Amino acid sequence: MKIGILGTRGIPNNYGGFEQFAADLSLGLVAKGCDVSVYNSHNHPYQEAEWKGVHIIHKNDPEFKLGTAGQFLYDLHCIKDSRKRNFDIILQLGYTSSSVWGRFLPRKSKIITNVDGIEYSREKYSPAVKTFLKYAEKLAVKFSDRLVADSEIIKKHFKDKYHVEPYFIPYGADVFENPDVSQIVKSGLEPNKYFLLIARLQPDNNIEPIIKGVLNSKSPYPLLVVGNYDNAYGTYLKKKYTGQNIRFEGGIFDMDFLNNLRYFSGIYFHGHSAGGTNPSLLEAMASSALICAHDNPFNKSVLQGNAFYFSDEEDVSKLIGSKPKKELFNQFIDKNLLQIKEQYNKQKIIDDYYSLFKNELKTE
């Protein structure tokens, strides 16, 4: 089975959740005997033509020169290249900047699109952009042979609105079983004496309310903000809050170090408010973190009753002020770990995608 994966900046992960998912899935599919190619930005730090058995196809990505418009051109370059690769399956991760080029997708390939979230619900977008995203969503439905939803809520949205039945496959994680306190000590941290937030620095991830809540709590413990801050919102946050017990760590992609940061954090804050099942949330659950998540249906569908929730900075302050001791909430942690093992197991997710691909090819 020959598979092409489009829609990320590339692997190994040097950016975010979709990239980590693409890395994990591609390795899992190669282990099953598939011929897998992943499209990478031309300026990705990894410049080899192969990574652990996965073919890497570098295509021109002008995003850093042109901004958002560059994403559309990068997707176009990838899609046009895919026409000459004879892929059996093309897996598109997201649709926001690719579905407008749907008519160029190779007709002989089965097109499967992971729709991610309800993109036009994201706070960061202007009304005009939201209107475009609604159109892009329709195109994703039109040009895909099968949609994949990572959340039952997203699945219902597409079923109700477009009368299609997306295949439900969430993201996955591996239970973190080998904590090493020296990993955080070398960064000047003490176990359970810091708060942690890992996210892209954008408004719909509620970064600023979490920061304000931590500061208003007057806690002596620092908040570590992990995520690239090389955008307008990230630059604004860093300039405003650096030096106020807030540590902006930038992007960190060493998974072992990230898992230790999560494991030894006092409270892990998850502010994502749009999208479906978020990979970073699953990784926090798998790392035995005590989680406080933004109060919305997406997060609650995953965490259920096994976390604290916040709606605004006041909720964050109140939680920190109550000084919750992690050891008193082992039932939260144990139930979240069980969820990872039974429902969000990384190997299960790989197996589900492999089964989907085989089934789609049989329908020809």
Protein backbone atom coordinates (compact mmCIF):
# COMPACT_ATOMS: atom_id res chain seq x y z
CA MET A 1 0.00 0.00 0.00
CA LYS A 2 1.48 3.32 -1.11
CA ILE A 3 0.48 6.25 1.12
CA GLY A 4 1.16 9.98 0.90
CA ILE A 5 0.63 12.27 3.91
CA LEU A 6 0.01 15.97 3.21
CA GLY A 7 -0.89 18.95 5.35
CA THR A 8 1.96 19.31 7.83
CA ARG A 9 5.18 21.25 7.92
CA GLY A 10 6.97 17.94 8.06
CA ILE A 11 8.64 15.29 10.16
CA PRO A 12 10.39 14.68 12.48
CA ASN A 13 8.22 17.04 14.50
CA ASN A 14 9.53 20.55 14.80
CA TYR A 15 6.25 22.39 15.08
CA GLY A 16 3.12 20.91 16.65
CA GLY A 17 0.49 18.23 17.17
CA PHE A 18 -0.27 17.36 13.52
CA GLU A 19 3.44 16.95 12.86
CA GLN A 20 3.89 14.60 15.82
CA PHE A 21 0.87 12.63 14.70
CA ALA A 22 2.24 12.38 11.15
CA ALA A 23 5.55 11.13 12.51
CA ASP A 24 3.94 8.49 14.74
CA LEU A 25 1.46 7.32 12.11
CA SER A 26 3.99 7.12 9.29
CA LEU A 27 6.40 5.04 11.40
CA GLY A 28 3.55 2.75 12.44
CA LEU A 29 2.44 2.24 8.85
CA VAL A 30 6.00 1.53 7.69
CA ALA A 31 6.20 -1.13 10.42
CA LYS A 32 3.14 -2.76 8.79
CA GLY A 33 4.90 -2.90 5.44
CA CYS A 34 3.42 0.23 3.84
CA ASP A 35 5.33 2.52 1.50
CA VAL A 36 4.84 5.92 3.16
CA SER A 37 5.81 9.41 2.01
CA VAL A 38 5.40 12.59 4.05
CA TYR A 39 5.56 16.06 2.52
CA ASN A 40 7.92 18.49 4.28
CA SER A 41 8.50 22.22 3.95
CA HIS A 42 11.64 22.91 1.93
CA ASN A 43 13.17 24.69 4.93
CA HIS A 44 12.43 21.96 7.48
CA PRO A 45 15.48 21.34 9.70
CA TYR A 46 15.57 17.70 8.54
CA GLN A 47 16.82 17.70 4.96
CA GLU A 48 17.33 14.01 4.21
CA ALA A 49 15.20 12.11 1.70
CA GLU A 50 14.30 9.38 4.19
CA TRP A 51 13.58 9.24 7.92
CA LYS A 52 13.43 5.86 9.64
CA GLY A 53 12.03 4.21 6.52
CA VAL A 54 9.62 7.06 5.66
CA HIS A 55 10.18 8.87 2.37
CA ILE A 56 10.47 12.64 2.77
CA ILE A 57 9.36 14.88 -0.10
CA HIS A 58 10.48 18.48 0.33
CA LYS A 59 8.37 21.12 -1.43
CA ASN A 60 8.68 24.87 -1.56
CA ASP A 61 6.91 26.53 1.37
CA PRO A 62 6.80 30.34 1.13
CA GLU A 63 4.83 30.82 4.36
CA PHE A 64 7.67 32.60 6.13
CA LYS A 65 7.90 35.09 3.27
CA LEU A 66 4.22 35.49 2.44
CA GLY A 67 2.45 34.60 5.68
CA THR A 68 -0.86 32.73 5.43
CA ALA A 69 -0.91 32.95 1.63
CA GLY A 70 2.26 30.87 1.63
CA GLN A 71 0.41 27.96 3.26
CA PHE A 72 -1.95 27.80 0.27
CA LEU A 73 0.96 27.73 -2.16
CA TYR A 74 2.77 25.04 -0.16
CA ASP A 75 -0.34 22.84 -0.22
CA LEU A 76 -0.70 23.42 -3.97
CA HIS A 77 2.92 22.38 -4.54
CA CYS A 78 2.38 19.20 -2.52
CA ILE A 79 -0.90 18.31 -4.24
CA LYS A 80 0.53 18.87 -7.72
CA ASP A 81 3.50 16.65 -6.85
CA SER A 82 1.19 13.92 -5.56
CA ARG A 83 -0.30 13.57 -9.06
CA LYS A 84 2.86 11.83 -10.28
CA ARG A 85 3.42 9.54 -7.29
CA ASN A 86 0.75 6.87 -7.86
CA PHE A 87 -0.35 6.87 -4.23
CA ASP A 88 -3.08 4.40 -3.32
CA ILE A 89 -4.06 6.61 -0.39
CA ILE A 90 -3.57 10.32 0.18
CA LEU A 91 -4.16 11.37 3.78
CA GLN A 92 -4.71 15.09 4.19
CA LEU A 93 -4.24 16.45 7.69
CA GLY A 94 -6.57 19.42 7.83
CA TYR A 95 -8.29 21.26 5.00
CA THR A 96 -8.07 25.00 5.71
CA SER A 97 -5.51 25.79 3.00
CA SER A 98 -5.73 22.66 0.85
CA SER A 99 -9.39 22.08 -0.01
CA VAL A 100 -9.43 24.98 -2.50
CA TRP A 101 -7.04 22.89 -4.60
CA GLY A 102 -9.17 19.76 -4.27
CA ARG A 103 -9.86 19.54 -7.99
CA PHE A 104 -6.13 18.97 -8.56
CA LEU A 105 -5.95 15.88 -6.34
CA PRO A 106 -5.15 12.70 -8.31
CA ARG A 107 -8.36 10.90 -9.17
CA LYS A 108 -6.82 7.43 -8.96
CA SER A 109 -5.91 7.89 -5.28
CA LYS A 110 -8.34 7.50 -2.41
CA ILE A 111 -8.52 10.90 -0.69
CA ILE A 112 -8.96 10.72 3.07
CA THR A 113 -9.12 13.97 5.02
CA ASN A 114 -8.66 14.37 8.75
CA VAL A 115 -10.87 17.41 9.31
CA ASP A 116 -9.29 18.43 12.62
CA GLY A 117 -11.71 20.90 14.24
CA ILE A 118 -14.54 23.24 13.31
CA GLU A 119 -12.05 25.78 12.04
CA TYR A 120 -14.35 28.78 11.70
CA SER A 121 -15.18 28.59 15.40
CA ARG A 122 -11.65 29.67 16.27
CA GLU A 123 -11.51 33.07 17.93
CA LYS A 124 -8.33 34.14 16.11
CA TYR A 125 -10.09 34.43 12.73
CA SER A 126 -11.82 37.54 11.36
CA PRO A 127 -15.42 37.33 10.07
CA ALA A 128 -14.15 37.28 6.48
CA VAL A 129 -11.77 34.40 7.19
CA LYS A 130 -14.51 32.50 9.00
CA THR A 131 -16.72 32.84 5.93
CA PHE A 132 -13.94 31.42 3.79
CA LEU A 133 -13.39 28.53 6.23
CA LYS A 134 -17.05 27.55 5.99
CA TYR A 135 -16.56 27.36 2.22
CA ALA A 136 -13.32 25.39 2.64
CA GLU A 137 -15.14 22.91 4.87
CA LYS A 138 -17.71 22.28 2.10
CA LEU A 139 -14.90 21.71 -0.38
CA ALA A 140 -13.22 19.22 1.97
CA VAL A 141 -16.44 17.20 2.00
CA LYS A 142 -16.77 17.46 -1.79
CA PHE A 143 -13.25 16.37 -2.70
CA SER A 144 -12.72 13.62 -0.09
CA ASP A 145 -13.61 9.97 -0.45
CA ARG A 146 -13.71 9.67 3.34
CA LEU A 147 -13.52 12.09 6.25
CA VAL A 148 -11.89 11.27 9.58
CA ALA A 149 -13.03 13.04 12.75
CA ASP A 150 -10.90 12.89 15.87
CA SER A 151 -13.88 13.63 18.12
CA GLU A 152 -17.43 12.31 18.29
CA ILE A 153 -18.56 15.96 18.49
CA ILE A 154 -16.81 16.78 15.21
CA LYS A 155 -18.25 13.62 13.66
CA LYS A 156 -21.77 14.71 14.63
CA HIS A 157 -21.17 18.19 13.18
CA PHE A 158 -20.34 16.80 9.74
CA LYS A 159 -23.11 14.23 9.87
CA ASP A 160 -25.74 16.83 10.79
CA LYS A 161 -24.55 19.51 8.39
CA TYR A 162 -23.46 17.51 5.33
CA HIS A 163 -25.17 14.13 5.82
CA VAL A 164 -21.86 12.28 5.61
CA GLU A 165 -20.55 9.75 8.11
CA PRO A 166 -16.94 10.53 9.09
CA TYR A 167 -14.84 7.69 10.45
CA PHE A 168 -14.03 8.33 14.10
CA ILE A 169 -10.34 7.95 14.94
CA PRO A 170 -8.91 10.09 17.75
CA TYR A 171 -5.23 10.75 18.33
CA GLY A 172 -3.14 8.55 20.56
CA ALA A 173 -0.40 8.61 23.18
CA ASP A 174 1.89 6.22 24.98
CA VAL A 175 1.81 5.99 28.77
CA PHE A 176 4.93 7.65 30.18
CA GLU A 177 6.49 5.17 32.59
CA ASN A 178 10.06 6.31 33.21
CA PRO A 179 10.10 9.70 34.96
CA ASP A 180 13.53 11.16 35.65
CA VAL A 181 13.57 14.09 38.05
CA SER A 182 17.06 15.11 36.93
CA GLN A 183 15.49 16.21 33.64
CA ILE A 184 13.65 19.06 35.32
CA VAL A 185 16.21 19.81 38.05
CA LYS A 186 18.73 20.78 35.40
CA SER A 187 16.23 23.45 34.30
CA GLY A 188 16.08 24.89 37.81
CA LEU A 189 12.69 23.35 38.65
CA GLU A 190 11.40 21.37 41.61
CA PRO A 191 8.76 18.62 41.40
CA ASN A 192 5.20 19.94 41.80
CA LYS A 193 6.45 23.48 42.28
CA TYR A 194 5.67 24.91 38.86
CA PHE A 195 2.68 25.14 36.54
CA LEU A 196 2.83 24.14 32.90
CA LEU A 197 1.10 25.13 29.66
CA ILE A 198 2.01 23.62 26.27
CA ALA A 199 0.26 25.08 23.24
CA ARG A 200 0.53 27.17 20.13
CA LEU A 201 0.40 30.76 21.27
CA GLN A 202 -2.93 31.84 19.79
CA PRO A 203 -6.04 33.40 21.39
CA ASP A 204 -8.35 30.39 21.19
CA ASN A 205 -5.92 28.47 23.40
CA ASN A 206 -6.67 30.85 26.30
CA ILE A 207 -3.02 31.59 27.02
CA GLU A 208 -3.56 35.05 28.49
CA PRO A 209 -6.40 34.10 30.89
CA ILE A 210 -4.19 31.32 32.26
CA ILE A 211 -1.24 33.71 32.66
CA LYS A 212 -3.41 36.32 34.37
CA GLY A 213 -4.93 33.68 36.64
CA VAL A 214 -1.50 32.48 37.74
CA LEU A 215 -0.29 36.03 38.38
CA ASN A 216 -3.46 37.01 40.27
CA SER A 217 -3.11 33.96 42.51
CA LYS A 218 0.17 35.39 43.86
CA SER A 219 1.62 31.89 43.82
CA PRO A 220 5.41 31.72 44.19
CA TYR A 221 5.47 28.92 41.62
CA PRO A 222 6.35 29.89 38.03
CA LEU A 223 4.23 29.16 34.98
CA LEU A 224 6.18 27.61 32.11
CA VAL A 225 4.72 28.46 28.71
CA VAL A 226 5.99 26.03 26.08
CA GLY A 227 5.29 27.00 22.47
CA ASN A 228 6.82 29.03 19.68
CA TYR A 229 6.25 32.74 20.24
CA ASP A 230 7.37 33.90 16.80
CA ASN A 231 3.95 35.26 15.85
CA ALA A 232 2.18 38.53 16.70
CA TYR A 233 0.21 37.12 19.64
CA GLY A 234 3.20 35.25 21.04
CA THR A 235 5.38 38.35 20.75
CA TYR A 236 2.72 40.39 22.55
CA LEU A 237 2.47 37.89 25.42
CA LYS A 238 6.21 37.54 25.84
CA LYS A 239 6.77 41.29 25.87
CA LYS A 240 3.96 41.89 28.36
CA TYR A 241 4.55 39.07 30.84
CA THR A 242 8.23 38.11 30.79
CA GLY A 243 9.78 38.66 34.22
CA GLN A 244 6.49 38.27 36.10
CA ASN A 245 6.97 34.67 37.23
CA ILE A 246 6.10 33.58 33.70
CA ARG A 247 8.76 31.64 31.78
CA PHE A 248 8.42 31.55 28.00
CA GLU A 249 10.37 28.47 26.97
CA GLY A 250 9.74 28.58 23.21
CA GLY A 251 9.14 25.38 21.25
CA ILE A 252 10.44 22.16 22.83
CA PHE A 253 10.37 18.96 20.78
CA ASP A 254 12.35 16.56 22.96
CA MET A 255 9.49 14.21 23.88
CA ASP A 256 11.24 12.69 26.88
CA PHE A 257 11.91 16.12 28.38
CA LEU A 258 8.34 17.26 27.66
CA ASN A 259 6.92 14.15 29.33
CA ASN A 260 9.04 14.80 32.41
CA LEU A 261 7.89 18.42 32.49
CA ARG A 262 4.28 17.21 32.42
CA TYR A 263 4.83 14.46 34.98
CA PHE A 264 6.45 16.70 37.60
CA SER A 265 4.24 19.77 37.09
CA GLY A 266 1.97 20.86 39.93
CA ILE A 267 -0.92 21.68 37.58
CA TYR A 268 -0.98 21.29 33.82
CA PHE A 269 -3.18 23.91 32.12
CA HIS A 270 -4.87 23.01 28.84
CA GLY A 271 -6.53 26.04 27.31
CA HIS A 272 -7.61 24.72 23.90
CA SER A 273 -11.19 25.74 23.21
CA ALA A 274 -11.68 24.74 19.55
CA GLY A 275 -10.99 21.52 17.70
CA GLY A 276 -11.56 17.96 18.77
CA THR A 277 -9.38 15.51 20.65
CA ASN A 278 -6.16 17.44 21.18
CA PRO A 279 -2.85 15.48 21.03
CA SER A 280 -1.18 17.60 23.72
CA LEU A 281 -4.06 16.87 26.10
CA LEU A 282 -3.64 13.13 25.56
CA GLU A 283 0.10 13.46 26.17
CA ALA A 284 -0.60 15.26 29.46
CA MET A 285 -2.99 12.48 30.50
CA ALA A 286 -0.40 9.86 29.53
CA SER A 287 2.23 11.66 31.61
CA SER A 288 0.20 11.49 34.85
CA ALA A 289 -0.35 15.25 34.94
CA LEU A 290 -2.97 16.84 37.16
CA ILE A 291 -4.97 18.73 34.55
CA CYS A 292 -7.00 21.91 34.57
CA ALA A 293 -8.69 22.30 31.19
CA HIS A 294 -10.80 24.95 29.54
CA ASP A 295 -14.46 24.18 30.13
CA ASN A 296 -15.83 23.13 26.73
CA PRO A 297 -17.47 20.03 25.22
CA PHE A 298 -14.32 18.91 23.38
CA ASN A 299 -12.16 18.74 26.50
CA LYS A 300 -14.95 17.28 28.62
CA SER A 301 -15.62 14.51 26.12
CA VAL A 302 -12.05 13.32 26.69
CA LEU A 303 -11.39 14.11 30.35
CA GLN A 304 -14.93 13.63 31.62
CA GLY A 305 -14.87 14.14 35.40
CA ASN A 306 -11.15 13.53 35.80
CA ALA A 307 -9.84 17.08 35.73
CA PHE A 308 -10.41 20.59 37.00
CA TYR A 309 -12.03 23.06 34.60
CA PHE A 310 -11.80 26.82 34.10
CA SER A 311 -13.75 29.39 32.12
CA ASP A 312 -11.75 32.52 32.94
CA GLU A 313 -8.75 33.84 34.86
CA GLU A 314 -10.74 33.95 38.11
CA ASP A 315 -11.28 30.17 37.95
CA VAL A 316 -7.54 29.68 37.45
CA SER A 317 -6.73 31.89 40.46
CA LYS A 318 -9.24 30.10 42.67
CA LEU A 319 -7.86 26.69 41.80
CA ILE A 320 -4.27 27.71 42.50
CA GLY A 321 -5.37 29.45 45.70
CA SER A 322 -6.95 26.20 46.93
CA LYS A 323 -3.47 24.63 46.74
CA PRO A 324 -4.53 21.23 45.38
CA LYS A 325 -2.05 18.50 46.23
CA LYS A 326 -1.43 16.17 43.35
CA GLU A 327 -1.34 13.06 45.54
CA LEU A 328 -4.92 13.73 46.65
CA PHE A 329 -6.19 13.46 43.08
CA ASN A 330 -4.70 10.11 42.09
CA GLN A 331 -8.16 8.99 41.00
CA PHE A 332 -8.08 11.64 38.26
CA ILE A 333 -4.66 10.50 37.12
CA ASP A 334 -5.43 6.78 37.27
CA LYS A 335 -8.65 7.13 35.27
CA ASN A 336 -6.92 9.26 32.65
CA LEU A 337 -4.16 6.67 32.30
CA LEU A 338 -6.79 3.98 31.85
CA GLN A 339 -8.40 6.08 29.09
CA ILE A 340 -5.05 6.27 27.30
CA LYS A 341 -4.51 2.53 27.54
CA GLU A 342 -7.99 1.56 26.41
CA GLN A 343 -9.21 4.25 24.03
CA TYR A 344 -6.33 6.54 23.09
CA ASN A 345 -3.56 3.97 22.76
CA LYS A 346 -1.17 5.05 20.02
CA GLN A 347 -0.89 1.59 18.48
CA LYS A 348 -4.68 1.27 18.38
CA ILE A 349 -4.90 4.52 16.45
CA ILE A 350 -2.31 3.30 13.93
CA ASP A 351 -4.22 0.02 13.54
CA ASP A 352 -7.48 1.91 13.00
CA TYR A 353 -5.98 4.04 10.21
CA TYR A 354 -4.46 0.96 8.58
CA SER A 355 -7.84 -0.80 8.66
CA LEU A 356 -9.57 2.27 7.23
CA PHE A 357 -7.08 2.48 4.36
CA LYS A 358 -7.50 -1.21 3.52
CA ASN A 359 -11.28 -0.94 3.62
CA GLU A 360 -11.31 2.13 1.37
CA LEU A 361 -9.19 0.35 -1.24
CA LYS A 362 -11.55 -2.63 -1.18
CA THR A 363 -14.48 -0.39 -2.14
CA GLU A 364 -12.96 0.37 -5.53
